[in-house]
Structures are given as C-alpha cells and as structure tokens.
C-alpha cells in the first residue's frame, strides 16, 4: 500500500487543521490515497474532547504575552503542547481499507517510536498501560498521541519531542497527568538533535511499522 507524505515545514496549527479537514474529506470520498502530514508548529496548546481548562496552569493573558494560541479540537486526550523542535504527524488513513481497528492503529503509532528510539538511539521506551496512550521513557512521556476517526478515516496524530522546550510543558498538566513528567530526545541524549534527520526517521519507521510504501509529494499535487 502506498502512503503519500507531505512535509509542511513549520506552519501554524490553525492552518494545518484546515488542511487536515480538507484531506479528511477527500480521503472519505476516495479522492486521495492514505496520506501522512508532517509539520512543526509554533507554540500552541490544544484541548481534546476530554480537555479541561483547569489543566492550563497559567492565565490566558500570559499565554497571549507568550504568543501561545489555544485550540479546542475533536481528538482523544486532554491538553497537549506543540512547539518548536517537535516532530508532529497527522495520518489521514482509511482504517477500513487498511484493515485495522482503532486500538491497533494507536498501538502501531506507539510501536513506531518505541522501535525508532531503540534502533537509532539505544533508548528503551515503552507503553505505560491501558489507561495512558503514548510512548514513555521511564515515567516521562516523549511522544503524545491523540486521534479522531471520522467515517473510518483518521486525523490528528502524534507529537514527538525532539528539541522541544520542556519548560513550556510547565504551563499545563500534559494530557491531564499530574504524577508523570515529559522528556525529549535532546534531554535524553544530552545534546540538540538533527531535527530534519529525526523527522525523516519518523516517516521511515511509520512506513515500516504500518507496511506502507512512501511517496513524498507536495500538497498541491493532490489538487484539492
């Protein structure tokens, strides 16, 4: 199976969400094939369907001062931070064509980063338990996952902390968790990492775990 991969570079969350919704509709009608959007966002907070504003720990005025936007989105999970140095991926995949359930889909996303961290960096990562999604190193989350499925097509996705400013996670209770922490590849390796290379690794391992053959395209190539 083929997977179109679109690298948007650094783009505001709101604009990226508009693109996701366009591709979602096109995938639902079969106008496009399965597609993976890769992007890096400026500092942003998103609240999932179970999100509580109480998990944002600072006043709105401070967020405005820091130019951090807040979006309410229809995905699983609570509050999540996106920002510079974070590899973000949004798979637009028809699960009925792929032959995969929602739980298996999330499991495979977790497997992408468990394998990547082990094979490329010698880092042992794991799933927490059935209560928490994502990928963890010890008791700190390194990859957050929150998806939505509409007419069997997925949207939203994963956020992998590479060179992410971890201080910004102090603005929130990440995913509503107060007893656990957040980490990044930079923190674990003790040095800033090659973001472009790690972004490419994420694409490659995604395709390997899901069994896709990748095709790098531009958004304009889809004609929508």
Protein backbone atom coordinates (compact mmCIF):
# COMPACT_ATOMS: atom_id res chain seq x y z
CA UNK A 1 0.00 0.00 0.00
CA UNK A 2 1.18 3.49 -0.80
CA UNK A 3 1.32 6.41 1.61
CA UNK A 4 1.55 9.98 0.39
CA UNK A 5 3.82 12.01 2.69
CA UNK A 6 3.55 15.79 2.79
CA UNK A 7 6.12 17.87 4.66
CA UNK A 8 4.58 21.23 5.55
CA UNK A 9 7.65 22.53 7.38
CA UNK A 10 6.75 25.00 10.15
CA UNK A 11 3.11 26.03 9.98
CA UNK A 12 0.52 27.45 12.37
CA UNK A 13 -1.80 24.92 13.95
CA UNK A 14 -4.98 26.55 12.65
CA UNK A 15 -3.81 26.46 9.04
CA UNK A 16 -2.69 22.85 9.43
CA UNK A 17 -6.08 21.89 10.86
CA UNK A 18 -7.77 23.37 7.79
CA UNK A 19 -5.51 21.20 5.59
CA UNK A 20 -6.28 18.12 7.69
CA UNK A 21 -10.02 18.64 7.29
CA UNK A 22 -9.70 19.04 3.52
CA UNK A 23 -7.65 15.85 3.23
CA UNK A 24 -10.01 14.01 5.58
CA UNK A 25 -12.99 14.80 3.36
CA UNK A 26 -11.05 13.83 0.23
CA UNK A 27 -9.95 10.52 1.78
CA UNK A 28 -13.50 9.73 2.89
CA UNK A 29 -14.69 10.01 -0.71
CA UNK A 30 -11.70 8.13 -2.12
CA UNK A 31 -10.43 11.19 -3.95
CA UNK A 32 -6.94 10.75 -2.44
CA UNK A 33 -4.91 7.86 -1.06
CA UNK A 34 -3.77 7.45 2.55
CA UNK A 35 -1.65 10.46 3.48
CA UNK A 36 0.70 11.47 6.29
CA UNK A 37 1.14 15.16 7.06
CA UNK A 38 4.42 16.07 8.77
CA UNK A 39 4.70 19.50 10.38
CA UNK A 40 6.31 21.59 13.11
CA UNK A 41 4.11 24.09 14.95
CA UNK A 42 4.90 27.38 16.67
CA UNK A 43 3.97 27.22 20.39
CA UNK A 44 0.35 26.07 20.69
CA UNK A 45 -1.95 24.41 23.22
CA UNK A 46 -4.70 22.04 22.06
CA UNK A 47 -7.56 20.73 24.18
CA UNK A 48 -9.04 17.35 23.25
CA UNK A 49 -12.63 16.25 23.78
CA UNK A 50 -11.90 15.43 27.43
CA UNK A 51 -9.83 18.57 27.87
CA UNK A 52 -10.21 20.69 30.97
CA UNK A 53 -9.16 24.34 31.06
CA UNK A 54 -8.12 23.67 34.65
CA UNK A 55 -5.17 21.73 33.22
CA UNK A 56 -3.86 25.01 31.77
CA UNK A 57 -1.95 26.35 34.75
CA UNK A 58 -1.39 29.97 33.75
CA UNK A 59 -3.71 32.88 32.92
CA UNK A 60 -4.81 33.44 29.35
CA UNK A 61 -3.06 36.82 29.45
CA UNK A 62 0.31 35.12 29.98
CA UNK A 63 -0.30 32.80 27.04
CA UNK A 64 -1.18 35.80 24.89
CA UNK A 65 2.01 37.51 26.03
CA UNK A 66 3.99 34.43 25.01
CA UNK A 67 2.03 34.28 21.72
CA UNK A 68 0.76 30.79 22.50
CA UNK A 69 -2.59 30.00 20.85
CA UNK A 70 -5.24 27.65 22.29
CA UNK A 71 -7.39 25.40 20.11
CA UNK A 72 -10.26 23.11 21.12
CA UNK A 73 -10.09 20.03 18.88
CA UNK A 74 -12.14 16.87 18.47
CA UNK A 75 -9.50 14.28 19.27
CA UNK A 76 -8.86 11.96 22.18
CA UNK A 77 -6.87 13.18 25.16
CA UNK A 78 -6.75 16.29 27.28
CA UNK A 79 -4.40 19.28 26.89
CA UNK A 80 -1.25 18.97 24.78
CA UNK A 81 1.58 21.37 23.96
CA UNK A 82 3.02 21.76 20.46
CA UNK A 83 6.07 23.85 19.73
CA UNK A 84 9.41 24.34 18.03
CA UNK A 85 11.59 21.24 17.86
CA UNK A 86 8.67 18.81 17.97
CA UNK A 87 8.02 16.32 15.16
CA UNK A 88 4.26 16.26 14.56
CA UNK A 89 2.48 13.83 12.27
CA UNK A 90 -1.16 13.68 11.18
CA UNK A 91 -2.09 10.39 9.44
CA UNK A 92 -5.14 10.60 7.18
CA UNK A 93 -5.72 6.87 6.79
CA UNK A 94 -8.83 4.87 5.91
CA UNK A 95 -8.87 2.13 8.54
CA UNK A 96 -11.48 0.07 6.69
CA UNK A 97 -9.24 -0.13 3.62
CA UNK A 98 -6.18 -0.73 5.76
CA UNK A 99 -7.90 -3.48 7.76
CA UNK A 100 -7.02 -2.09 11.17
CA UNK A 101 -9.06 -1.16 14.24
CA UNK A 102 -8.62 2.00 16.26
CA UNK A 103 -6.77 0.32 19.15
CA UNK A 104 -4.40 -1.44 16.76
CA UNK A 105 -3.82 1.84 14.94
CA UNK A 106 -2.77 3.61 18.16
CA UNK A 107 -0.64 0.58 19.15
CA UNK A 108 1.22 0.80 15.85
CA UNK A 109 1.90 4.52 16.26
CA UNK A 110 3.38 3.76 19.66
CA UNK A 111 5.44 0.98 18.09
CA UNK A 112 6.88 3.44 15.55
CA UNK A 113 8.61 5.44 18.28
CA UNK A 114 9.49 2.50 20.51
CA UNK A 115 11.40 0.99 17.58
CA UNK A 116 12.89 4.29 16.41
CA UNK A 117 14.24 5.18 19.85
CA UNK A 118 15.71 1.72 20.39
CA UNK A 119 17.26 1.21 16.96
CA UNK A 120 18.54 4.73 16.29
CA UNK A 121 19.42 6.00 19.78
CA UNK A 122 19.64 2.97 22.07
CA UNK A 123 16.81 4.33 24.23
CA UNK A 124 14.41 1.83 25.81
CA UNK A 125 10.89 3.24 25.56
CA UNK A 126 7.58 1.62 26.41
CA UNK A 127 3.82 1.89 26.60
CA UNK A 128 2.50 2.81 30.04
CA UNK A 129 -0.67 0.80 30.47
CA UNK A 130 -4.15 0.66 29.05
CA UNK A 131 -5.05 3.92 30.79
CA UNK A 132 -2.45 6.12 29.10
CA UNK A 133 -1.59 6.31 25.41
CA UNK A 134 1.76 7.49 24.09
CA UNK A 135 5.39 6.46 24.39
CA UNK A 136 7.32 6.77 27.63
CA UNK A 137 10.92 6.63 28.83
CA UNK A 138 10.82 5.67 32.50
CA UNK A 139 7.94 7.80 33.84
CA UNK A 140 8.26 10.61 31.30
CA UNK A 141 6.32 10.89 28.05
CA UNK A 142 8.31 11.53 24.89
CA UNK A 143 5.55 11.01 22.29
CA UNK A 144 1.94 12.09 22.79
CA UNK A 145 -0.82 10.51 20.71
CA UNK A 146 -4.37 11.75 20.19
CA UNK A 147 -6.51 10.79 17.21
CA UNK A 148 -10.02 11.13 15.89
CA UNK A 149 -11.74 8.74 13.48
CA UNK A 150 -14.50 10.01 11.22
CA UNK A 151 -16.24 7.58 8.85
CA UNK A 152 -13.27 5.26 9.43
CA UNK A 153 -10.70 7.86 8.36
CA UNK A 154 -8.18 9.05 10.95
CA UNK A 155 -6.99 12.56 11.68
CA UNK A 156 -4.88 14.29 14.35
CA UNK A 157 -1.97 12.05 15.38
CA UNK A 158 1.35 12.17 17.24
CA UNK A 159 3.80 14.69 18.69
CA UNK A 160 7.38 13.50 19.24
CA UNK A 161 9.55 15.71 21.45
CA UNK A 162 12.94 16.10 19.76
CA UNK A 163 14.43 19.50 20.66
CA UNK A 164 11.24 20.73 22.33
CA UNK A 165 11.44 23.42 25.03
CA UNK A 166 10.29 21.36 28.00
CA UNK A 167 9.80 24.45 30.16
CA UNK A 168 6.64 25.19 28.18
CA UNK A 169 5.08 21.97 29.47
CA UNK A 170 5.06 23.66 32.89
CA UNK A 171 2.23 25.79 31.56
CA UNK A 172 -0.06 22.73 31.62
CA UNK A 173 -0.76 19.37 33.15
CA UNK A 174 0.24 17.44 29.99
CA UNK A 175 -2.67 15.22 28.95
CA UNK A 176 -4.16 15.90 32.37
CA UNK A 177 -1.46 13.91 34.16
CA UNK A 178 -0.09 15.40 37.36
CA UNK A 179 2.05 12.49 38.55
CA UNK A 180 4.16 11.99 35.43
CA UNK A 181 6.69 14.05 33.50
CA UNK A 182 7.69 14.91 29.95
CA UNK A 183 11.03 14.41 28.24
CA UNK A 184 12.66 14.99 24.85
CA UNK A 185 15.26 13.33 22.70
CA UNK A 186 17.57 16.28 23.31
CA UNK A 187 17.28 15.84 27.08
CA UNK A 188 17.87 12.09 26.90
CA UNK A 189 20.86 12.37 24.55
CA UNK A 190 22.37 15.40 26.29
CA UNK A 191 22.66 17.42 23.07
CA UNK A 192 20.49 19.07 20.43
CA UNK A 193 19.48 16.61 17.73
CA UNK A 194 19.28 16.93 13.95
CA UNK A 195 15.60 17.80 13.55
CA UNK A 196 15.39 17.18 9.80
CA UNK A 197 17.02 13.78 10.14
CA UNK A 198 14.78 12.78 13.04
CA UNK A 199 11.72 13.91 11.11
CA UNK A 200 12.80 11.65 8.25
CA UNK A 201 13.37 8.75 10.67
CA UNK A 202 9.83 9.20 11.95
CA UNK A 203 8.46 8.91 8.41
CA UNK A 204 10.59 5.86 7.63
CA UNK A 205 9.67 3.98 10.79
CA UNK A 206 6.00 4.87 10.35
CA UNK A 207 6.04 3.33 6.89
CA UNK A 208 7.95 0.28 8.10
CA UNK A 209 5.64 -0.46 11.04
CA UNK A 210 2.46 0.15 9.03
CA UNK A 211 3.72 -1.61 5.91
CA UNK A 212 3.40 1.39 3.61
CA UNK A 213 5.48 2.37 0.61
CA UNK A 214 6.08 6.11 0.93
CA UNK A 215 5.73 8.70 -1.79
CA UNK A 216 6.92 12.22 -0.94
CA UNK A 217 4.61 14.78 -2.54
CA UNK A 218 3.64 18.44 -2.28
CA UNK A 219 0.21 19.44 -1.04
CA UNK A 220 -0.53 20.99 -4.42
CA UNK A 221 -0.01 17.60 -6.09
CA UNK A 222 -3.30 16.37 -4.58
CA UNK A 223 -5.25 19.02 -6.43
CA UNK A 224 -7.66 19.76 -3.59
